[in-house]
Amino acid sequence: MPVTEKMICITCPMGCSIEVTHEGETLLHVDGNTCPRGEEYVRRELTDPRRMVATTVRVKDGVHPLVPVYTARPFPKPRIFELLAALRQVELDAPVAMGQVVLPNALDTGIDILASREMPRSSS
């Protein structure tokens, strides 16, 4: 049975309001996108939704107790909470370099988690 949904495309700053009719993962009709990227966005959202994830992990002996981290590529949306739980178990030793791999191949997805800033060792 066909389903009609409204989505807002986040591919570009236009933020097109898209109305999509689909049957499962099969697109039947897409309306409202002002560029071809909107249809591709809808297709990805229906088949494999992904998001960039940014959070923090603990650092031992750093000038701050936490360092910001992010996914190297968009991460499968249904597994984000599982990823956050795994990152709560991570504790790094200072110093931490910007771009350092904090968690390689997170949850066997092939996506690394990277530090987004340097964290020097505390002088105390």
Protein backbone atom coordinates (compact mmCIF):
# COMPACT_ATOMS: atom_id res chain seq x y z
CA MET A 1 0.00 0.00 0.00
CA PRO A 2 1.51 3.38 -1.01
CA VAL A 3 2.40 5.85 1.75
CA THR A 4 2.78 9.61 1.34
CA GLU A 5 5.19 11.46 3.63
CA LYS A 6 6.66 14.93 3.89
CA MET A 7 10.41 15.35 4.31
CA ILE A 8 12.72 18.32 4.47
CA CYS A 9 15.81 17.86 2.36
CA ILE A 10 19.00 18.64 4.29
CA THR A 11 21.38 18.23 1.36
CA CYS A 12 21.78 21.98 0.78
CA PRO A 13 20.75 25.23 2.50
CA MET A 14 17.52 25.49 0.46
CA GLY A 15 15.78 23.00 2.79
CA CYS A 16 13.15 21.95 0.25
CA SER A 17 9.90 20.57 1.60
CA ILE A 18 9.49 17.34 -0.33
CA GLU A 19 6.37 15.20 -0.57
CA VAL A 20 7.19 11.60 -1.38
CA THR A 21 4.92 8.68 -2.12
CA HIS A 22 6.54 5.30 -1.72
CA GLU A 23 5.75 1.65 -1.26
CA GLY A 24 8.38 0.33 1.10
CA GLU A 25 11.70 1.37 -0.41
CA THR A 26 10.23 1.90 -3.88
CA LEU A 27 9.71 5.56 -4.83
CA LEU A 28 6.47 6.20 -6.66
CA HIS A 29 6.38 10.01 -6.73
CA VAL A 30 8.61 12.85 -5.49
CA ASP A 31 7.44 16.47 -5.53
CA GLY A 32 8.83 19.72 -4.13
CA ASN A 33 12.56 19.31 -4.68
CA THR A 34 14.15 22.18 -6.58
CA CYS A 35 17.23 20.20 -7.60
CA PRO A 36 18.04 16.54 -8.42
CA ARG A 37 19.80 16.13 -5.07
CA GLY A 38 16.42 16.17 -3.32
CA GLU A 39 15.27 12.97 -4.98
CA GLU A 40 18.59 11.28 -4.17
CA TYR A 41 18.26 12.44 -0.54
CA VAL A 42 14.77 10.92 -0.29
CA ARG A 43 16.00 7.66 -1.83
CA ARG A 44 18.85 7.43 0.73
CA GLU A 45 16.52 8.30 3.62
CA LEU A 46 14.19 5.45 2.68
CA THR A 47 16.89 2.83 2.13
CA ASP A 48 19.86 3.73 4.35
CA PRO A 49 19.48 6.88 6.48
CA ARG A 50 22.80 8.17 7.81
CA ARG A 51 23.93 11.12 9.90
CA MET A 52 27.19 12.70 10.98
CA VAL A 53 27.60 12.24 14.73
CA ALA A 54 29.49 14.63 17.00
CA THR A 55 29.92 14.10 20.73
CA THR A 56 32.66 13.99 23.37
CA VAL A 57 34.79 11.31 25.02
CA ARG A 58 36.68 11.39 28.30
CA VAL A 59 40.35 12.30 28.50
CA LYS A 60 42.63 11.33 31.37
CA ASP A 61 45.24 13.94 32.40
CA GLY A 62 44.10 16.48 29.78
CA VAL A 63 43.65 20.20 30.31
CA HIS A 64 39.93 19.50 29.91
CA PRO A 65 38.08 16.33 30.95
CA LEU A 66 36.47 15.81 27.53
CA VAL A 67 37.55 16.05 23.90
CA PRO A 68 35.11 16.55 21.00
CA VAL A 69 34.91 13.73 18.45
CA TYR A 70 33.02 13.08 15.22
CA THR A 71 32.36 10.35 12.69
CA ALA A 72 34.66 10.36 9.66
CA ARG A 73 31.64 9.66 7.42
CA PRO A 74 27.87 9.62 7.93
CA PHE A 75 26.87 6.85 10.34
CA PRO A 76 23.81 4.54 10.05
CA LYS A 77 20.99 6.39 11.81
CA PRO A 78 19.43 3.33 13.51
CA ARG A 79 22.76 2.58 15.25
CA ILE A 80 23.56 6.06 16.60
CA PHE A 81 22.49 5.31 20.19
CA GLU A 82 24.55 2.11 20.10
CA LEU A 83 27.54 4.18 18.95
CA LEU A 84 27.03 6.72 21.74
CA ALA A 85 26.95 3.90 24.30
CA ALA A 86 30.24 2.55 22.92
CA LEU A 87 31.84 6.01 23.07
CA ARG A 88 30.84 6.37 26.73
CA GLN A 89 33.22 3.48 27.42
CA VAL A 90 36.17 5.21 25.73
CA GLU A 91 38.75 7.11 27.80
CA LEU A 92 41.80 8.56 26.09
CA ASP A 93 45.15 9.44 27.60
CA ALA A 94 46.34 13.00 26.97
CA PRO A 95 47.80 14.32 24.77
CA VAL A 96 45.26 13.84 21.97
CA ALA A 97 45.99 15.08 18.44
CA MET A 98 43.38 16.63 16.18
CA GLY A 99 42.28 13.98 13.67
CA GLN A 100 43.50 11.13 15.89
CA VAL A 101 41.44 7.97 15.50
CA VAL A 102 39.58 7.56 18.78
CA LEU A 103 37.58 4.47 17.86
CA PRO A 104 38.55 2.62 14.67
CA ASN A 105 35.88 0.79 12.67
CA ALA A 106 33.12 1.78 15.09
CA LEU A 107 30.65 -1.08 15.57
CA ASP A 108 32.16 -2.87 12.53
CA THR A 109 30.77 -0.22 10.15
CA GLY A 110 34.14 0.72 8.67
CA ILE A 111 33.66 4.26 10.00
CA ASP A 112 36.31 5.74 12.29
CA ILE A 113 35.63 8.18 15.12
CA LEU A 114 38.11 11.08 15.08
CA ALA A 115 39.15 13.75 17.59
CA SER A 116 38.13 17.19 16.35
CA ARG A 117 40.66 19.17 18.41
CA GLU A 118 43.94 18.80 20.22
CA MET A 119 43.93 18.06 23.92
CA PRO A 120 47.29 18.74 25.58
CA ARG A 121 48.37 17.05 28.77
CA SER A 122 47.62 18.99 31.94
CA SER A 123 50.67 20.62 33.49
CA SER A 124 49.56 19.85 37.05
